[in-house]
Amino acid sequence: MLRTRHFLIPVAALAMSGCVAKTLVDVATAPVRAGAQVADWATESQDEADRARGREIRQREERLGDLQEDVADLEEDCLDGDDDACREAVAKRREIDELLPQVPLEPQDS
């Protein structure tokens, strides 16, 4: 029984030293890992930037389509003699003119 204890003590010490060493490595590398994570959160990857750009373009295209529909309706009302509709159509047409340069032109199929 005494021999078994003497045998287990060195084995336990070696096993514990591995755990202690692992813990020390974890503690030492934690700031580096935390810094890398913060840098990842703070920067935008090219993929994220591309998705954001695509989303912005889709939103502008949607706004442009809504404005064009509004202008068509207002122009009909304007032709029917509604002066307020004429003024509103002009204002919306100006907004379209400002928005058009920000929407990329899609190539036409020949």
Protein backbone atom coordinates (compact mmCIF):
# COMPACT_ATOMS: atom_id res chain seq x y z
CA MET A 1 0.00 0.00 0.00
CA LEU A 2 2.82 2.34 0.89
CA ARG A 3 4.53 1.57 -2.42
CA THR A 4 1.38 2.46 -4.32
CA ARG A 5 1.25 5.86 -2.61
CA HIS A 6 4.87 6.52 -3.42
CA PHE A 7 4.19 5.66 -7.03
CA LEU A 8 1.04 7.83 -7.29
CA ILE A 9 2.63 10.96 -5.82
CA PRO A 10 5.10 11.54 -8.71
CA VAL A 11 2.45 10.61 -11.28
CA ALA A 12 -0.02 13.06 -9.70
CA ALA A 13 2.67 15.76 -9.58
CA LEU A 14 3.41 15.31 -13.27
CA ALA A 15 -0.29 15.40 -14.14
CA MET A 16 -0.81 18.52 -12.05
CA SER A 17 2.17 20.27 -13.61
CA GLY A 18 0.59 19.78 -17.03
CA CYS A 19 -2.62 21.41 -15.79
CA VAL A 20 -0.69 24.26 -14.23
CA ALA A 21 1.35 24.76 -17.39
CA LYS A 22 -1.82 24.77 -19.50
CA THR A 23 -3.41 27.32 -17.19
CA LEU A 24 -0.33 29.53 -17.34
CA VAL A 25 -0.32 29.38 -21.12
CA ASP A 26 -4.04 30.24 -21.19
CA VAL A 27 -3.51 33.18 -18.85
CA ALA A 28 -0.52 34.43 -20.84
CA THR A 29 -2.25 34.26 -24.21
CA ALA A 30 -5.62 35.64 -23.05
CA PRO A 31 -4.70 39.32 -23.65
CA VAL A 32 -3.48 38.50 -27.14
CA ARG A 33 -6.67 36.63 -27.98
CA ALA A 34 -8.80 39.43 -26.49
CA GLY A 35 -6.88 42.03 -28.51
CA ALA A 36 -7.38 40.05 -31.70
CA GLN A 37 -11.10 39.78 -31.01
CA VAL A 38 -11.39 43.54 -30.41
CA ALA A 39 -9.52 44.21 -33.64
CA ASP A 40 -11.89 41.87 -35.48
CA TRP A 41 -14.91 43.67 -34.06
CA ALA A 42 -13.45 47.09 -34.85
CA THR A 43 -12.60 46.42 -38.48
CA GLU A 44 -14.89 45.61 -41.36
CA SER A 45 -13.97 42.76 -43.68
CA GLN A 46 -14.23 43.20 -47.43
CA ASP A 47 -17.17 40.78 -47.48
CA GLU A 48 -19.02 42.85 -44.87
CA ALA A 49 -18.27 46.04 -46.80
CA ASP A 50 -19.56 44.47 -50.02
CA ARG A 51 -22.79 43.38 -48.32
CA ALA A 52 -23.30 46.85 -46.83
CA ARG A 53 -22.67 48.48 -50.22
CA GLY A 54 -25.14 46.13 -51.91
CA ARG A 55 -27.76 46.86 -49.26
CA GLU A 56 -27.30 50.63 -49.75
CA ILE A 57 -27.65 50.28 -53.51
CA ARG A 58 -30.82 48.19 -53.17
CA GLN A 59 -32.32 50.77 -50.80
CA ARG A 60 -31.56 53.60 -53.25
CA GLU A 61 -33.02 51.59 -56.15
CA GLU A 62 -36.16 50.91 -54.12
CA ARG A 63 -36.48 54.61 -53.21
CA LEU A 64 -35.99 55.54 -56.87
CA GLY A 65 -38.75 53.16 -57.95
CA ASP A 66 -41.12 54.55 -55.31
CA LEU A 67 -40.38 58.12 -56.42
CA GLN A 68 -40.95 57.27 -60.08
CA GLU A 69 -44.34 55.74 -59.26
CA ASP A 70 -45.27 58.80 -57.18
CA VAL A 71 -44.25 61.15 -59.99
CA ALA A 72 -46.33 59.21 -62.51
CA ASP A 73 -49.42 59.48 -60.26
CA LEU A 74 -48.78 63.16 -59.52
CA GLU A 75 -48.31 63.97 -63.21
CA GLU A 76 -51.71 62.43 -63.97
CA ASP A 77 -53.27 64.58 -61.25
CA CYS A 78 -51.36 67.59 -62.60
CA LEU A 79 -52.77 67.00 -66.08
CA ASP A 80 -56.23 66.92 -64.50
CA GLY A 81 -55.63 70.47 -63.18
CA ASP A 82 -54.31 69.90 -59.66
CA ASP A 83 -51.67 72.63 -59.13
CA ASP A 84 -50.48 71.12 -55.82
CA ALA A 85 -49.80 67.83 -57.59
CA CYS A 86 -47.75 69.71 -60.20
CA ARG A 87 -45.57 71.32 -57.53
CA GLU A 88 -45.16 68.02 -55.69
CA ALA A 89 -44.25 66.24 -58.94
CA VAL A 90 -41.54 68.83 -59.59
CA ALA A 91 -40.14 68.34 -56.05
CA LYS A 92 -40.10 64.55 -56.45
CA ARG A 93 -38.50 64.87 -59.89
CA ARG A 94 -35.68 66.91 -58.27
CA GLU A 95 -35.21 64.18 -55.68
CA ILE A 96 -35.01 61.62 -58.50
CA ASP A 97 -32.40 63.75 -60.26
CA GLU A 98 -30.30 63.84 -57.07
CA LEU A 99 -30.67 60.10 -56.50
CA LEU A 100 -29.95 58.89 -60.06
CA PRO A 101 -26.15 59.45 -59.97
CA GLN A 102 -25.95 57.30 -56.81
CA VAL A 103 -27.63 54.28 -58.42
CA PRO A 104 -25.29 52.18 -60.57
CA LEU A 105 -26.26 51.73 -64.18
CA GLU A 106 -27.03 48.15 -65.15
CA PRO A 107 -25.63 47.08 -68.54
CA GLN A 108 -28.29 46.66 -71.25
CA ASP A 109 -28.54 43.31 -73.05
CA SER A 110 -28.20 43.86 -76.81
